[in-house]
Amino acid sequence: MFFTLETIDSTIRFNPPLVLLKQNFTKVYDKVNWVFLFNTMERLRMLQEFVNLVSFLIKDVKATMCVNGNITPYFHVHKGVKQGCPLTLYIFLIMGEIFNMMFNGVMKIGKVRRIENA
């Protein structure tokens, strides 16, 4: 929070062009698209055995819910992982890494620049 306030204060004083980006990763594992996840894992050259394990644990999964005491019929799950799944940490890290790679890419071509300490 301190860094954010200092950045805003410097922006007010010196008026440089600035973009602040706040990313909320709190539920990344609920929203991740599986095609994107597996493409990312391939691009990161993860071991095929790990990719296969992740695929086995999250693809072709059926789930049911309890709503007001009534159990719903089974339905196919197309994204996300079950609550408490040990894969959530790894998916969080993979998505964070791809975000970092994308951000570094736009910095490399000069679309964004790093704020240096004064």
PDB file of N, CA and C in Angstrom:
ATOM      1  N   MET A   1       0.823  -1.187   0.000  1.00  0.00           N
ATOM      2  CA  MET A   1       0.000   0.000   0.000  1.00  0.00           C
ATOM      3  C   MET A   1       0.874   1.261   0.000  1.00  0.00           C
ATOM      4  N   PHE A   2       1.967   1.225   0.762  1.00  0.00           N
ATOM      5  CA  PHE A   2       2.864   2.377   0.829  1.00  0.00           C
ATOM      6  C   PHE A   2       3.418   2.723  -0.554  1.00  0.00           C
ATOM      7  N   PHE A   3       3.851   1.693  -1.294  1.00  0.00           N
ATOM      8  CA  PHE A   3       4.395   1.924  -2.628  1.00  0.00           C
ATOM      9  C   PHE A   3       3.346   2.572  -3.534  1.00  0.00           C
ATOM     10  N   THR A   4       2.117   2.120  -3.430  1.00  0.00           N
ATOM     11  CA  THR A   4       1.034   2.679  -4.248  1.00  0.00           C
ATOM     12  C   THR A   4       0.825   4.148  -3.922  1.00  0.00           C
ATOM     13  N   LEU A   5       0.780   4.479  -2.648  1.00  0.00           N
ATOM     14  CA  LEU A   5       0.584   5.881  -2.246  1.00  0.00           C
ATOM     15  C   LEU A   5       1.749   6.751  -2.697  1.00  0.00           C
ATOM     16  N   GLU A   6       2.984   6.252  -2.574  1.00  0.00           N
ATOM     17  CA  GLU A   6       4.157   7.007  -3.040  1.00  0.00           C
ATOM     18  C   GLU A   6       4.110   7.237  -4.550  1.00  0.00           C
ATOM     19  N   THR A   7       3.673   6.227  -5.292  1.00  0.00           N
ATOM     20  CA  THR A   7       3.566   6.347  -6.740  1.00  0.00           C
ATOM     21  C   THR A   7       2.539   7.397  -7.126  1.00  0.00           C
ATOM     22  N   ILE A   8       1.402   7.360  -6.474  1.00  0.00           N
ATOM     23  CA  ILE A   8       0.350   8.353  -6.747  1.00  0.00           C
ATOM     24  C   ILE A   8       0.846   9.748  -6.392  1.00  0.00           C
ATOM     25  N   ASP A   9       1.529   9.888  -5.262  1.00  0.00           N
ATOM     26  CA  ASP A   9       2.060  11.193  -4.848  1.00  0.00           C
ATOM     27  C   ASP A   9       3.068  11.712  -5.872  1.00  0.00           C
ATOM     28  N   SER A  10       3.962  10.850  -6.353  1.00  0.00           N
ATOM     29  CA  SER A  10       4.938  11.269  -7.363  1.00  0.00           C
ATOM     30  C   SER A  10       4.257  11.663  -8.668  1.00  0.00           C
ATOM     31  N   THR A  11       3.198  10.955  -9.003  1.00  0.00           N
ATOM     32  CA  THR A  11       2.458  11.271 -10.225  1.00  0.00           C
ATOM     33  C   THR A  11       1.827  12.657 -10.125  1.00  0.00           C
ATOM     34  N   ILE A  12       1.294  12.973  -8.972  1.00  0.00           N
ATOM     35  CA  ILE A  12       0.673  14.287  -8.772  1.00  0.00           C
ATOM     36  C   ILE A  12       1.736  15.382  -8.855  1.00  0.00           C
ATOM     37  N   ARG A  13       2.908  15.142  -8.261  1.00  0.00           N
ATOM     38  CA  ARG A  13       3.960  16.163  -8.242  1.00  0.00           C
ATOM     39  C   ARG A  13       4.637  16.353  -9.592  1.00  0.00           C
ATOM     40  N   PHE A  14       4.928  15.257 -10.311  1.00  0.00           N
ATOM     41  CA  PHE A  14       5.750  15.356 -11.529  1.00  0.00           C
ATOM     42  C   PHE A  14       4.965  15.150 -12.814  1.00  0.00           C
ATOM     43  N   ASN A  15       3.736  14.702 -12.719  1.00  0.00           N
ATOM     44  CA  ASN A  15       2.823  14.538 -13.846  1.00  0.00           C
ATOM     45  C   ASN A  15       3.372  13.683 -14.998  1.00  0.00           C
ATOM     46  N   PRO A  16       4.035  12.542 -14.711  1.00  0.00           N
ATOM     47  CA  PRO A  16       4.463  11.674 -15.820  1.00  0.00           C
ATOM     48  C   PRO A  16       3.284  10.833 -16.303  1.00  0.00           C
ATOM     49  N   PRO A  17       3.334  10.347 -17.556  1.00  0.00           N
ATOM     50  CA  PRO A  17       2.291   9.405 -17.983  1.00  0.00           C
ATOM     51  C   PRO A  17       2.421   8.123 -17.158  1.00  0.00           C
ATOM     52  N   LEU A  18       1.327   7.637 -16.642  1.00  0.00           N
ATOM     53  CA  LEU A  18       1.395   6.514 -15.723  1.00  0.00           C
ATOM     54  C   LEU A  18       0.149   5.655 -15.818  1.00  0.00           C
ATOM     55  N   VAL A  19       0.355   4.375 -15.735  1.00  0.00           N
ATOM     56  CA  VAL A  19      -0.752   3.424 -15.632  1.00  0.00           C
ATOM     57  C   VAL A  19      -0.488   2.559 -14.412  1.00  0.00           C
ATOM     58  N   LEU A  20      -1.456   2.498 -13.524  1.00  0.00           N
ATOM     59  CA  LEU A  20      -1.359   1.590 -12.379  1.00  0.00           C
ATOM     60  C   LEU A  20      -2.223   0.380 -12.683  1.00  0.00           C
ATOM     61  N   LEU A  21      -1.708  -0.787 -12.393  1.00  0.00           N
ATOM     62  CA  LEU A  21      -2.423  -2.024 -12.663  1.00  0.00           C
ATOM     63  C   LEU A  21      -2.582  -2.791 -11.365  1.00  0.00           C
ATOM     64  N   LYS A  22      -3.811  -3.075 -11.007  1.00  0.00           N
ATOM     65  CA  LYS A  22      -4.075  -3.907  -9.833  1.00  0.00           C
ATOM     66  C   LYS A  22      -4.718  -5.186 -10.334  1.00  0.00           C
ATOM     67  N   GLN A  23      -4.080  -6.294 -10.043  1.00  0.00           N
ATOM     68  CA  GLN A  23      -4.587  -7.592 -10.491  1.00  0.00           C
ATOM     69  C   GLN A  23      -5.085  -8.367  -9.291  1.00  0.00           C
ATOM     70  N   ASN A  24      -6.303  -8.889  -9.393  1.00  0.00           N
ATOM     71  CA  ASN A  24      -6.885  -9.675  -8.314  1.00  0.00           C
ATOM     72  C   ASN A  24      -6.804 -11.151  -8.686  1.00  0.00           C
ATOM     73  N   PHE A  25      -5.964 -11.885  -7.990  1.00  0.00           N
ATOM     74  CA  PHE A  25      -5.774 -13.305  -8.260  1.00  0.00           C
ATOM     75  C   PHE A  25      -6.548 -14.186  -7.284  1.00  0.00           C
ATOM     76  N   THR A  26      -7.433 -13.606  -6.492  1.00  0.00           N
ATOM     77  CA  THR A  26      -8.040 -14.372  -5.406  1.00  0.00           C
ATOM     78  C   THR A  26      -8.792 -15.600  -5.863  1.00  0.00           C
ATOM     79  N   LYS A  27      -9.393 -15.576  -7.036  1.00  0.00           N
ATOM     80  CA  LYS A  27     -10.157 -16.739  -7.486  1.00  0.00           C
ATOM     81  C   LYS A  27      -9.717 -17.198  -8.866  1.00  0.00           C
ATOM     82  N   VAL A  28      -8.439 -17.064  -9.146  1.00  0.00           N
ATOM     83  CA  VAL A  28      -7.928 -17.421 -10.464  1.00  0.00           C
ATOM     84  C   VAL A  28      -8.226 -18.876 -10.797  1.00  0.00           C
ATOM     85  N   TYR A  29      -8.179 -19.742  -9.811  1.00  0.00           N
ATOM     86  CA  TYR A  29      -8.404 -21.168 -10.064  1.00  0.00           C
ATOM     87  C   TYR A  29      -9.859 -21.471 -10.375  1.00  0.00           C
ATOM     88  N   ASP A  30     -10.789 -20.565 -10.031  1.00  0.00           N
ATOM     89  CA  ASP A  30     -12.197 -20.763 -10.369  1.00  0.00           C
ATOM     90  C   ASP A  30     -12.503 -20.364 -11.805  1.00  0.00           C
ATOM     91  N   LYS A  31     -11.732 -19.483 -12.351  1.00  0.00           N
ATOM     92  CA  LYS A  31     -12.062 -18.891 -13.636  1.00  0.00           C
ATOM     93  C   LYS A  31     -11.161 -19.323 -14.778  1.00  0.00           C
ATOM     94  N   VAL A  32     -10.081 -20.018 -14.489  1.00  0.00           N
ATOM     95  CA  VAL A  32      -9.118 -20.345 -15.528  1.00  0.00           C
ATOM     96  C   VAL A  32      -9.741 -21.281 -16.569  1.00  0.00           C
ATOM     97  N   ASN A  33      -9.516 -20.938 -17.813  1.00  0.00           N
ATOM     98  CA  ASN A  33      -9.979 -21.759 -18.927  1.00  0.00           C
ATOM     99  C   ASN A  33      -8.991 -22.906 -19.100  1.00  0.00           C
ATOM    100  N   TRP A  34      -9.502 -24.131 -19.153  1.00  0.00           N
ATOM    101  CA  TRP A  34      -8.615 -25.287 -19.208  1.00  0.00           C
ATOM    102  C   TRP A  34      -7.782 -25.333 -20.480  1.00  0.00           C
ATOM    103  N   VAL A  35      -8.341 -24.929 -21.599  1.00  0.00           N
ATOM    104  CA  VAL A  35      -7.557 -24.914 -22.842  1.00  0.00           C
ATOM    105  C   VAL A  35      -6.368 -23.968 -22.668  1.00  0.00           C
ATOM    106  N   PHE A  36      -6.630 -22.799 -22.104  1.00  0.00           N
ATOM    107  CA  PHE A  36      -5.555 -21.837 -21.847  1.00  0.00           C
ATOM    108  C   PHE A  36      -4.538 -22.418 -20.867  1.00  0.00           C
ATOM    109  N   LEU A  37      -5.012 -23.072 -19.818  1.00  0.00           N
ATOM    110  CA  LEU A  37      -4.118 -23.670 -18.830  1.00  0.00           C
ATOM    111  C   LEU A  37      -3.184 -24.690 -19.472  1.00  0.00           C
ATOM    112  N   PHE A  38      -3.744 -25.608 -20.267  1.00  0.00           N
ATOM    113  CA  PHE A  38      -2.905 -26.643 -20.871  1.00  0.00           C
ATOM    114  C   PHE A  38      -1.983 -26.079 -21.944  1.00  0.00           C
ATOM    115  N   ASN A  39      -2.433 -25.081 -22.692  1.00  0.00           N
ATOM    116  CA  ASN A  39      -1.541 -24.414 -23.649  1.00  0.00           C
ATOM    117  C   ASN A  39      -0.391 -23.724 -22.918  1.00  0.00           C
ATOM    118  N   THR A  40      -0.711 -23.105 -21.781  1.00  0.00           N
ATOM    119  CA  THR A  40       0.311 -22.437 -20.984  1.00  0.00           C
ATOM    120  C   THR A  40       1.320 -23.438 -20.440  1.00  0.00           C
ATOM    121  N   MET A  41       0.822 -24.560 -19.918  1.00  0.00           N
ATOM    122  CA  MET A  41       1.717 -25.582 -19.382  1.00  0.00           C
ATOM    123  C   MET A  41       2.642 -26.118 -20.479  1.00  0.00           C
ATOM    124  N   GLU A  42       2.102 -26.268 -21.680  1.00  0.00           N
ATOM    125  CA  GLU A  42       2.923 -26.721 -22.801  1.00  0.00           C
ATOM    126  C   GLU A  42       3.976 -25.685 -23.157  1.00  0.00           C
ATOM    127  N   ARG A  43       3.559 -24.421 -23.182  1.00  0.00           N
ATOM    128  CA  ARG A  43       4.495 -23.344 -23.524  1.00  0.00           C
ATOM    129  C   ARG A  43       5.605 -23.219 -22.478  1.00  0.00           C
ATOM    130  N   LEU A  44       5.268 -23.495 -21.222  1.00  0.00           N
ATOM    131  CA  LEU A  44       6.262 -23.447 -20.147  1.00  0.00           C
ATOM    132  C   LEU A  44       7.118 -24.710 -20.102  1.00  0.00           C
ATOM    133  N   ARG A  45       6.844 -25.635 -21.020  1.00  0.00           N
ATOM    134  CA  ARG A  45       7.591 -26.893 -21.142  1.00  0.00           C
ATOM    135  C   ARG A  45       7.588 -27.704 -19.847  1.00  0.00           C
ATOM    136  N   MET A  46       6.409 -27.798 -19.262  1.00  0.00           N
ATOM    137  CA  MET A  46       6.266 -28.610 -18.051  1.00  0.00           C
ATOM    138  C   MET A  46       6.330 -30.085 -18.429  1.00  0.00           C
ATOM    139  N   LEU A  47       6.751 -30.884 -17.475  1.00  0.00           N
ATOM    140  CA  LEU A  47       6.844 -32.320 -17.716  1.00  0.00           C
ATOM    141  C   LEU A  47       5.489 -32.876 -18.154  1.00  0.00           C
ATOM    142  N   GLN A  48       5.500 -33.695 -19.176  1.00  0.00           N
ATOM    143  CA  GLN A  48       4.263 -34.265 -19.698  1.00  0.00           C
ATOM    144  C   GLN A  48       3.537 -35.082 -18.629  1.00  0.00           C
ATOM    145  N   GLU A  49       4.279 -35.737 -17.755  1.00  0.00           N
ATOM    146  CA  GLU A  49       3.657 -36.516 -16.683  1.00  0.00           C
ATOM    147  C   GLU A  49       2.819 -35.626 -15.776  1.00  0.00           C
ATOM    148  N   PHE A  50       3.323 -34.415 -15.470  1.00  0.00           N
ATOM    149  CA  PHE A  50       2.580 -33.471 -14.632  1.00  0.00           C
ATOM    150  C   PHE A  50       1.341 -32.969 -15.367  1.00  0.00           C
ATOM    151  N   VAL A  51       1.509 -32.632 -16.642  1.00  0.00           N
ATOM    152  CA  VAL A  51       0.372 -32.174 -17.452  1.00  0.00           C
ATOM    153  C   VAL A  51      -0.697 -33.260 -17.504  1.00  0.00           C
ATOM    154  N   ASN A  52      -0.281 -34.502 -17.701  1.00  0.00           N
ATOM    155  CA  ASN A  52      -1.234 -35.620 -17.738  1.00  0.00           C
ATOM    156  C   ASN A  52      -1.956 -35.781 -16.408  1.00  0.00           C
ATOM    157  N   LEU A  53      -1.233 -35.622 -15.302  1.00  0.00           N
ATOM    158  CA  LEU A  53      -1.847 -35.735 -13.984  1.00  0.00           C
ATOM    159  C   LEU A  53      -2.891 -34.642 -13.773  1.00  0.00           C
ATOM    160  N   VAL A  54      -2.544 -33.419 -14.129  1.00  0.00           N
ATOM    161  CA  VAL A  54      -3.494 -32.308 -13.997  1.00  0.00           C
ATOM    162  C   VAL A  54      -4.719 -32.576 -14.864  1.00  0.00           C
ATOM    163  N   SER A  55      -4.486 -33.018 -16.074  1.00  0.00           N
ATOM    164  CA  SER A  55      -5.588 -33.333 -16.986  1.00  0.00           C
ATOM    165  C   SER A  55      -6.507 -34.400 -16.384  1.00  0.00           C
ATOM    166  N   PHE A  56      -5.908 -35.441 -15.840  1.00  0.00           N
ATOM    167  CA  PHE A  56      -6.679 -36.524 -15.240  1.00  0.00           C
ATOM    168  C   PHE A  56      -7.545 -36.026 -14.081  1.00  0.00           C
ATOM    169  N   LEU A  57      -6.991 -35.081 -13.295  1.00  0.00           N
ATOM    170  CA  LEU A  57      -7.696 -34.617 -12.102  1.00  0.00           C
ATOM    171  C   LEU A  57      -8.790 -33.592 -12.381  1.00  0.00           C
ATOM    172  N   ILE A  58      -8.678 -32.862 -13.495  1.00  0.00           N
ATOM    173  CA  ILE A  58      -9.684 -31.809 -13.711  1.00  0.00           C
ATOM    174  C   ILE A  58     -10.556 -31.994 -14.943  1.00  0.00           C
ATOM    175  N   LYS A  59     -10.124 -32.779 -15.922  1.00  0.00           N
ATOM    176  CA  LYS A  59     -10.949 -32.963 -17.124  1.00  0.00           C
ATOM    177  C   LYS A  59     -11.974 -34.063 -16.899  1.00  0.00           C
ATOM    178  N   ASP A  60     -13.061 -33.998 -17.630  1.00  0.00           N
ATOM    179  CA  ASP A  60     -14.138 -34.984 -17.559  1.00  0.00           C
ATOM    180  C   ASP A  60     -14.651 -35.185 -16.137  1.00  0.00           C
ATOM    181  N   VAL A  61     -14.713 -34.100 -15.381  1.00  0.00           N
ATOM    182  CA  VAL A  61     -15.186 -34.154 -14.003  1.00  0.00           C
ATOM    183  C   VAL A  61     -16.675 -33.842 -13.979  1.00  0.00           C
ATOM    184  N   LYS A  62     -17.396 -34.588 -13.165  1.00  0.00           N
ATOM    185  CA  LYS A  62     -18.805 -34.312 -12.919  1.00  0.00           C
ATOM    186  C   LYS A  62     -18.933 -33.857 -11.480  1.00  0.00           C
ATOM    187  N   ALA A  63     -19.889 -32.986 -11.234  1.00  0.00           N
ATOM    188  CA  ALA A  63     -20.097 -32.463  -9.887  1.00  0.00           C
ATOM    189  C   ALA A  63     -21.587 -32.358  -9.614  1.00  0.00           C
ATOM    190  N   THR A  64     -21.899 -32.172  -8.374  1.00  0.00           N
ATOM    191  CA  THR A  64     -23.264 -31.934  -7.938  1.00  0.00           C
ATOM    192  C   THR A  64     -23.210 -30.899  -6.826  1.00  0.00           C
ATOM    193  N   MET A  65     -24.311 -30.257  -6.554  1.00  0.00           N
ATOM    194  CA  MET A  65     -24.360 -29.249  -5.503  1.00  0.00           C
ATOM    195  C   MET A  65     -25.551 -29.511  -4.593  1.00  0.00           C
ATOM    196  N   CYS A  66     -25.433 -29.014  -3.395  1.00  0.00           N
ATOM    197  CA  CYS A  66     -26.546 -29.067  -2.456  1.00  0.00           C
ATOM    198  C   CYS A  66     -27.105 -27.649  -2.360  1.00  0.00           C
ATOM    199  N   VAL A  67     -28.354 -27.457  -2.809  1.00  0.00           N
ATOM    200  CA  VAL A  67     -28.994 -26.148  -2.800  1.00  0.00           C
ATOM    201  C   VAL A  67     -30.235 -26.244  -1.921  1.00  0.00           C
ATOM    202  N   ASN A  68     -30.231 -25.500  -0.847  1.00  0.00           N
ATOM    203  CA  ASN A  68     -31.353 -25.508   0.102  1.00  0.00           C
ATOM    204  C   ASN A  68     -31.714 -26.932   0.534  1.00  0.00           C
ATOM    205  N   GLY A  69     -30.694 -27.743   0.758  1.00  0.00           N
ATOM    206  CA  GLY A  69     -30.919 -29.104   1.219  1.00  0.00           C
ATOM    207  C   GLY A  69     -31.232 -30.112   0.131  1.00  0.00           C
ATOM    208  N   ASN A  70     -31.339 -29.668  -1.105  1.00  0.00           N
ATOM    209  CA  ASN A  70     -31.630 -30.563  -2.225  1.00  0.00           C
ATOM    210  C   ASN A  70     -30.383 -30.762  -3.076  1.00  0.00           C
ATOM    211  N   ILE A  71     -30.119 -32.011  -3.444  1.00  0.00           N
ATOM    212  CA  ILE A  71     -28.966 -32.342  -4.277  1.00  0.00           C
ATOM    213  C   ILE A  71     -29.354 -32.185  -5.744  1.00  0.00           C
ATOM    214  N   THR A  72     -28.529 -31.424  -6.482  1.00  0.00           N
ATOM    215  CA  THR A  72     -28.799 -31.223  -7.908  1.00  0.00           C
ATOM    216  C   THR A  72     -28.356 -32.453  -8.685  1.00  0.00           C
ATOM    217  N   PRO A  73     -28.843 -32.597  -9.919  1.00  0.00           N
ATOM    218  CA  PRO A  73     -28.306 -33.665 -10.777  1.00  0.00           C
ATOM    219  C   PRO A  73     -26.833 -33.382 -11.085  1.00  0.00           C
ATOM    220  N   TYR A  74     -26.095 -34.421 -11.463  1.00  0.00           N
ATOM    221  CA  TYR A  74     -24.693 -34.248 -11.849  1.00  0.00           C
ATOM    222  C   TYR A  74     -24.604 -33.394 -13.114  1.00  0.00           C
ATOM    223  N   PHE A  75     -23.551 -32.606 -13.192  1.00  0.00           N
ATOM    224  CA  PHE A  75     -23.290 -31.794 -14.386  1.00  0.00           C
ATOM    225  C   PHE A  75     -21.796 -31.822 -14.659  1.00  0.00           C
ATOM    226  N   HIS A  76     -21.429 -31.590 -15.914  1.00  0.00           N
ATOM    227  CA  HIS A  76     -20.016 -31.570 -16.305  1.00  0.00           C
ATOM    228  C   HIS A  76     -19.407 -30.223 -15.932  1.00  0.00           C
ATOM    229  N   VAL A  77     -18.211 -30.264 -15.425  1.00  0.00           N
ATOM    230  CA  VAL A  77     -17.476 -29.064 -15.060  1.00  0.00           C
ATOM    231  C   VAL A  77     -16.535 -28.732 -16.215  1.00  0.00           C
ATOM    232  N   HIS A  78     -16.536 -27.464 -16.641  1.00  0.00           N
ATOM    233  CA  HIS A  78     -15.740 -27.065 -17.804  1.00  0.00           C
ATOM    234  C   HIS A  78     -14.593 -26.112 -17.480  1.00  0.00           C
ATOM    235  N   LYS A  79     -14.549 -25.608 -16.249  1.00  0.00           N
ATOM    236  CA  LYS A  79     -13.433 -24.761 -15.846  1.00  0.00           C
ATOM    237  C   LYS A  79     -13.351 -24.756 -14.330  1.00  0.00           C
ATOM    238  N   GLY A  80     -12.211 -24.312 -13.820  1.00  0.00           N
ATOM    239  CA  GLY A  80     -12.010 -24.264 -12.382  1.00  0.00           C
ATOM    240  C   GLY A  80     -11.668 -25.622 -11.797  1.00  0.00           C
ATOM    241  N   VAL A  81     -11.436 -25.619 -10.498  1.00  0.00           N
ATOM    242  CA  VAL A  81     -11.145 -26.851  -9.765  1.00  0.00           C
ATOM    243  C   VAL A  81     -12.000 -26.874  -8.506  1.00  0.00           C
ATOM    244  N   LYS A  82     -12.156 -28.059  -7.942  1.00  0.00           N
ATOM    245  CA  LYS A  82     -12.970 -28.201  -6.742  1.00  0.00           C
ATOM    246  C   LYS A  82     -12.321 -27.483  -5.568  1.00  0.00           C
ATOM    247  N   GLN A  83     -13.174 -26.998  -4.661  1.00  0.00           N
ATOM    248  CA  GLN A  83     -12.683 -26.342  -3.460  1.00  0.00           C
ATOM    249  C   GLN A  83     -11.819 -27.320  -2.664  1.00  0.00           C
ATOM    250  N   GLY A  84     -10.662 -26.853  -2.228  1.00  0.00           N
ATOM    251  CA  GLY A  84      -9.757 -27.684  -1.453  1.00  0.00           C
ATOM    252  C   GLY A  84      -8.826 -28.545  -2.286  1.00  0.00           C
ATOM    253  N   CYS A  85      -8.942 -28.480  -3.601  1.00  0.00           N
ATOM    254  CA  CYS A  85      -8.080 -29.284  -4.472  1.00  0.00           C
ATOM    255  C   CYS A  85      -6.626 -28.825  -4.324  1.00  0.00           C
ATOM    256  N   PRO A  86      -5.701 -29.765  -4.135  1.00  0.00           N
ATOM    257  CA  PRO A  86      -4.298 -29.368  -3.982  1.00  0.00           C
ATOM    258  C   PRO A  86      -3.702 -28.729  -5.240  1.00  0.00           C
ATOM    259  N   LEU A  87      -4.393 -28.829  -6.364  1.00  0.00           N
ATOM    260  CA  LEU A  87      -3.881 -28.214  -7.597  1.00  0.00           C
ATOM    261  C   LEU A  87      -4.032 -26.698  -7.611  1.00  0.00           C
ATOM    262  N   THR A  88      -4.862 -26.149  -6.730  1.00  0.00           N
ATOM    263  CA  THR A  88      -5.134 -24.715  -6.790  1.00  0.00           C
ATOM    264  C   THR A  88      -3.868 -23.884  -6.673  1.00  0.00           C
ATOM    265  N   LEU A  89      -2.957 -24.279  -5.801  1.00  0.00           N
ATOM    266  CA  LEU A  89      -1.712 -23.528  -5.649  1.00  0.00           C
ATOM    267  C   LEU A  89      -0.910 -23.539  -6.945  1.00  0.00           C
ATOM    268  N   TYR A  90      -0.807 -24.697  -7.580  1.00  0.00           N
ATOM    269  CA  TYR A  90      -0.039 -24.805  -8.817  1.00  0.00           C
ATOM    270  C   TYR A  90      -0.685 -24.012  -9.950  1.00  0.00           C
ATOM    271  N   ILE A  91      -2.005 -24.068 -10.031  1.00  0.00           N
ATOM    272  CA  ILE A  91      -2.704 -23.298 -11.067  1.00  0.00           C
ATOM    273  C   ILE A  91      -2.505 -21.808 -10.825  1.00  0.00           C
ATOM    274  N   PHE A  92      -2.577 -21.388  -9.579  1.00  0.00           N
ATOM    275  CA  PHE A  92      -2.322 -19.992  -9.234  1.00  0.00           C
ATOM    276  C   PHE A  92      -0.926 -19.573  -9.695  1.00  0.00           C
ATOM    277  N   LEU A  93       0.067 -20.409  -9.419  1.00  0.00           N
ATOM    278  CA  LEU A  93       1.443 -20.089  -9.809  1.00  0.00           C
ATOM    279  C   LEU A  93       1.617 -20.068 -11.326  1.00  0.00           C
ATOM    280  N   ILE A  94       0.993 -21.005 -12.022  1.00  0.00           N
ATOM    281  CA  ILE A  94       1.090 -21.049 -13.489  1.00  0.00           C
ATOM    282  C   ILE A  94       0.467 -19.795 -14.092  1.00  0.00           C
ATOM    283  N   MET A  95      -0.719 -19.412 -13.613  1.00  0.00           N
ATOM    284  CA  MET A  95      -1.382 -18.225 -14.152  1.00  0.00           C
ATOM    285  C   MET A  95      -0.596 -16.960 -13.804  1.00  0.00           C
ATOM    286  N   GLY A  96      -0.018 -16.918 -12.619  1.00  0.00           N
ATOM    287  CA  GLY A  96       0.829 -15.780 -12.260  1.00  0.00           C
ATOM    288  C   GLY A  96       2.039 -15.677 -13.156  1.00  0.00           C
ATOM    289  N   GLU A  97       2.623 -16.819 -13.500  1.00  0.00           N
ATOM    290  CA  GLU A  97       3.796 -16.834 -14.378  1.00  0.00           C
ATOM    291  C   GLU A  97       3.444 -16.358 -15.785  1.00  0.00           C
ATOM    292  N   ILE A  98       2.320 -16.793 -16.313  1.00  0.00           N
ATOM    293  CA  ILE A  98       1.950 -16.354 -17.665  1.00  0.00           C
ATOM    294  C   ILE A  98       1.624 -14.858 -17.669  1.00  0.00           C
ATOM    295  N   PHE A  99       0.992 -14.371 -16.600  1.00  0.00           N
ATOM    296  CA  PHE A  99       0.742 -12.932 -16.495  1.00  0.00           C
ATOM    297  C   PHE A  99       2.065 -12.175 -16.459  1.00  0.00           C
ATOM    298  N   ASN A 100       3.025 -12.670 -15.695  1.00  0.00           N
ATOM    299  CA  ASN A 100       4.342 -12.048 -15.614  1.00  0.00           C
ATOM    300  C   ASN A 100       5.035 -12.037 -16.978  1.00  0.00           C
ATOM    301  N   MET A 101       4.938 -13.142 -17.718  1.00  0.00           N
ATOM    302  CA  MET A 101       5.545 -13.213 -19.049  1.00  0.00           C
ATOM    303  C   MET A 101       4.902 -12.203 -19.996  1.00  0.00           C
ATOM    304  N   MET A 102       3.589 -12.084 -19.928  1.00  0.00           N
ATOM    305  CA  MET A 102       2.885 -11.123 -20.786  1.00  0.00           C
ATOM    306  C   MET A 102       3.278  -9.695 -20.430  1.00  0.00           C
ATOM    307  N   PHE A 103       3.346  -9.406 -19.146  1.00  0.00           N
ATOM    308  CA  PHE A 103       3.716  -8.061 -18.712  1.00  0.00           C
ATOM    309  C   PHE A 103       5.144  -7.727 -19.111  1.00  0.00           C
ATOM    310  N   ASN A 104       6.060  -8.689 -18.947  1.00  0.00           N
ATOM    311  CA  ASN A 104       7.447  -8.467 -19.377  1.00  0.00           C
ATOM    312  C   ASN A 104       7.533  -8.246 -20.883  1.00  0.00           C
ATOM    313  N   GLY A 105       6.665  -8.908 -21.643  1.00  0.00           N
ATOM    314  CA  GLY A 105       6.638  -8.721 -23.093  1.00  0.00           C
ATOM    315  C   GLY A 105       6.275  -7.304 -23.489  1.00  0.00           C
ATOM    316  N   VAL A 106       5.275  -6.732 -22.831  1.00  0.00           N
ATOM    317  CA  VAL A 106       4.908  -5.354 -23.180  1.00  0.00           C
ATOM    318  C   VAL A 106       5.951  -4.368 -22.672  1.00  0.00           C
ATOM    319  N   MET A 107       6.642  -4.703 -21.596  1.00  0.00           N
ATOM    320  CA  MET A 107       7.747  -3.839 -21.151  1.00  0.00           C
ATOM    321  C   MET A 107       8.894  -3.883 -22.157  1.00  0.00           C
ATOM    322  N   LYS A 108       9.167  -5.061 -22.685  1.00  0.00           N
ATOM    323  CA  LYS A 108      10.277  -5.236 -23.631  1.00  0.00           C
ATOM    324  C   LYS A 108      10.080  -4.418 -24.894  1.00  0.00           C
ATOM    325  N   ILE A 109       8.842  -4.316 -25.368  1.00  0.00           N
ATOM    326  CA  ILE A 109       8.595  -3.540 -26.592  1.00  0.00           C
ATOM    327  C   ILE A 109       8.328  -2.068 -26.309  1.00  0.00           C
ATOM    328  N   GLY A 110       8.435  -1.679 -25.024  1.00  0.00           N
ATOM    329  CA  GLY A 110       8.356  -0.261 -24.673  1.00  0.00           C
ATOM    330  C   GLY A 110       6.961   0.274 -24.432  1.00  0.00           C
ATOM    331  N   LYS A 111       5.976  -0.585 -24.354  1.00  0.00           N
ATOM    332  CA  LYS A 111       4.606  -0.111 -24.108  1.00  0.00           C
ATOM    333  C   LYS A 111       4.388   0.270 -22.648  1.00  0.00           C
ATOM    334  N   VAL A 112       5.192  -0.324 -21.765  1.00  0.00           N
ATOM    335  CA  VAL A 112       5.129  -0.051 -20.325  1.00  0.00           C
ATOM    336  C   VAL A 112       6.551   0.030 -19.837  1.00  0.00           C
ATOM    337  N   ARG A 113       6.805   0.902 -18.879  1.00  0.00           N
ATOM    338  CA  ARG A 113       8.145   0.956 -18.315  1.00  0.00           C
ATOM    339  C   ARG A 113       8.066   0.843 -16.799  1.00  0.00           C
ATOM    340  N   ARG A 114       9.115   0.315 -16.230  1.00  0.00           N
ATOM    341  CA  ARG A 114       9.208   0.110 -14.790  1.00  0.00           C
ATOM    342  C   ARG A 114       9.425   1.427 -14.088  1.00  0.00           C
ATOM    343  N   ILE A 115       8.822   1.576 -12.932  1.00  0.00           N
ATOM    344  CA  ILE A 115       9.046   2.757 -12.106  1.00  0.00           C
ATOM    345  C   ILE A 115      10.292   2.509 -11.266  1.00  0.00           C
ATOM    346  N   GLU A 116      11.260   3.378 -11.384  1.00  0.00           N
ATOM    347  CA  GLU A 116      12.505   3.231 -10.638  1.00  0.00           C
ATOM    348  C   GLU A 116      12.394   4.039  -9.356  1.00  0.00           C
ATOM    349  N   ASN A 117      13.067   3.564  -8.313  1.00  0.00           N
ATOM    350  CA  ASN A 117      13.094   4.307  -7.046  1.00  0.00           C
ATOM    351  C   ASN A 117      13.802   5.633  -7.239  1.00  0.00           C
ATOM    352  N   ALA A 118      13.275   6.659  -6.601  1.00  0.00           N
ATOM    353  CA  ALA A 118      13.849   8.008  -6.744  1.00  0.00           C
ATOM    354  C   ALA A 118      15.087   8.164  -5.907  1.00  0.00           C
TER     355      ALA A 118
END
